[in-house]
C-alpha atoms as a PDB file:
ATOM      1  CA  MET A   1     -12.026   9.089 -14.007  1.00  0.00           C
ATOM      2  CA  SER A   2     -14.287  10.045 -16.889  1.00  0.00           C
ATOM      3  CA  ASP A   3     -16.775   7.635 -18.447  1.00  0.00           C
ATOM      4  CA  THR A   4     -14.662   7.582 -21.610  1.00  0.00           C
ATOM      5  CA  ALA A   5     -11.539   6.616 -19.671  1.00  0.00           C
ATOM      6  CA  SER A   6     -13.482   3.929 -17.800  1.00  0.00           C
ATOM      7  CA  GLN A   7     -14.727   2.513 -21.106  1.00  0.00           C
ATOM      8  CA  LEU A   8     -11.192   2.481 -22.511  1.00  0.00           C
ATOM      9  CA  LEU A   9      -9.976   0.616 -19.444  1.00  0.00           C
ATOM     10  CA  ALA A  10     -12.811  -1.902 -19.660  1.00  0.00           C
ATOM     11  CA  THR A  11     -12.062  -2.492 -23.343  1.00  0.00           C
ATOM     12  CA  PHE A  12      -8.336  -2.817 -22.585  1.00  0.00           C
ATOM     13  CA  GLU A  13      -9.078  -5.583 -20.094  1.00  0.00           C
ATOM     14  CA  THR A  14     -10.811  -7.625 -22.801  1.00  0.00           C
ATOM     15  CA  LEU A  15      -7.756  -7.585 -25.081  1.00  0.00           C
ATOM     16  CA  PRO A  16      -5.384 -10.545 -25.333  1.00  0.00           C
ATOM     17  CA  ALA A  17      -2.177 -10.084 -23.327  1.00  0.00           C
ATOM     18  CA  THR A  18      -0.089  -9.403 -26.441  1.00  0.00           C
ATOM     19  CA  GLU A  19      -2.379  -6.553 -27.475  1.00  0.00           C
ATOM     20  CA  GLN A  20      -2.462  -5.205 -23.916  1.00  0.00           C
ATOM     21  CA  HIS A  21       1.331  -5.121 -23.944  1.00  0.00           C
ATOM     22  CA  GLU A  22       1.438  -3.303 -27.283  1.00  0.00           C
ATOM     23  CA  PHE A  23      -1.221  -0.829 -26.118  1.00  0.00           C
ATOM     24  CA  VAL A  24       0.656  -0.026 -22.908  1.00  0.00           C
ATOM     25  CA  THR A  25       3.905   0.376 -24.833  1.00  0.00           C
ATOM     26  CA  GLN A  26       2.303   2.848 -27.217  1.00  0.00           C
ATOM     27  CA  LEU A  27       0.546   4.676 -24.385  1.00  0.00           C
ATOM     28  CA  LEU A  28       3.790   5.100 -22.447  1.00  0.00           C
ATOM     29  CA  ARG A  29       5.534   6.432 -25.544  1.00  0.00           C
ATOM     30  CA  ARG A  30       2.823   9.036 -25.991  1.00  0.00           C
ATOM     31  CA  THR A  31       2.732   9.906 -22.291  1.00  0.00           C
ATOM     32  CA  SER A  32       6.396  10.887 -22.297  1.00  0.00           C
ATOM     33  CA  VAL A  33       5.495  13.737 -24.650  1.00  0.00           C
ATOM     34  CA  PHE A  34       3.531  15.483 -21.879  1.00  0.00           C
ATOM     35  CA  PRO A  35       5.922  16.774 -19.196  1.00  0.00           C
ATOM     36  CA  ASP A  36       3.097  17.319 -16.689  1.00  0.00           C
ATOM     37  CA  THR A  37       2.192  13.629 -16.824  1.00  0.00           C
ATOM     38  CA  ALA A  38       5.677  12.173 -16.632  1.00  0.00           C
ATOM     39  CA  LEU A  39       5.836   8.897 -14.747  1.00  0.00           C
ATOM     40  CA  PHE A  40       8.109   8.716 -11.768  1.00  0.00           C
ATOM     41  CA  ASP A  41      10.110   5.711 -10.594  1.00  0.00           C
ATOM     42  CA  GLY A  42       7.445   4.794  -8.037  1.00  0.00           C
ATOM     43  CA  ASP A  43       4.753   4.847 -10.731  1.00  0.00           C
ATOM     44  CA  LEU A  44       6.787   2.611 -13.015  1.00  0.00           C
ATOM     45  CA  THR A  45       7.601   0.236 -10.156  1.00  0.00           C
ATOM     46  CA  SER A  46       3.919  -0.058  -9.287  1.00  0.00           C
ATOM     47  CA  VAL A  47       2.970  -0.775 -12.905  1.00  0.00           C
ATOM     48  CA  ALA A  48       5.749  -3.359 -13.198  1.00  0.00           C
ATOM     49  CA  ASP A  49       4.656  -5.027  -9.943  1.00  0.00           C
ATOM     50  CA  ASP A  50       1.072  -5.250 -11.196  1.00  0.00           C
ATOM     51  CA  LEU A  51       2.191  -6.643 -14.538  1.00  0.00           C
ATOM     52  CA  PHE A  52       4.425  -9.304 -12.985  1.00  0.00           C
ATOM     53  CA  GLN A  53       1.669 -10.293 -10.564  1.00  0.00           C
ATOM     54  CA  MET A  54      -0.739 -10.700 -13.495  1.00  0.00           C
ATOM     55  CA  LEU A  55       1.812 -12.779 -15.421  1.00  0.00           C
ATOM     56  CA  ASP A  56       2.506 -14.952 -12.365  1.00  0.00           C
ATOM     57  CA  GLU A  57      -1.224 -15.594 -11.928  1.00  0.00           C
ATOM     58  CA  GLU A  58      -1.588 -16.529 -15.603  1.00  0.00           C
ATOM     59  CA  GLU A  59       1.377 -18.880 -15.340  1.00  0.00           C
ATOM     60  CA  GLU A  60       0.045 -20.416 -12.125  1.00  0.00           C
ATOM     61  CA  HIS A  61      -3.308 -21.135 -13.755  1.00  0.00           C
ATOM     62  CA  GLY A  62      -1.748 -22.462 -16.949  1.00  0.00           C
ATOM     63  CA  ASP A  63      -3.236 -19.644 -19.027  1.00  0.00           C
ATOM     64  CA  ASP A  64      -1.171 -19.751 -22.191  1.00  0.00           C
ATOM     65  CA  THR A  65      -3.953 -18.739 -24.573  1.00  0.00           C
ATOM     66  CA  ASN A  66      -2.347 -15.310 -24.960  1.00  0.00           C
ATOM     67  CA  THR A  67       1.199 -16.371 -25.696  1.00  0.00           C
ATOM     68  CA  ARG A  68       3.545 -13.411 -25.934  1.00  0.00           C
END
């Protein structure tokens, strides 16, 4: 991963959950334009699993500061 991509990821992680969601939505829309980078079912399943795990952890810890 390039330094620029690493910086984008680090910045993404500092965003509130609602902004992270919007960012990912926009990124996925743009990614579908590039046929060589199309996401496959396994990729989407992995992303969904990670997202649900993150949401479960937030719920478990009572983190509602980033209400969706």
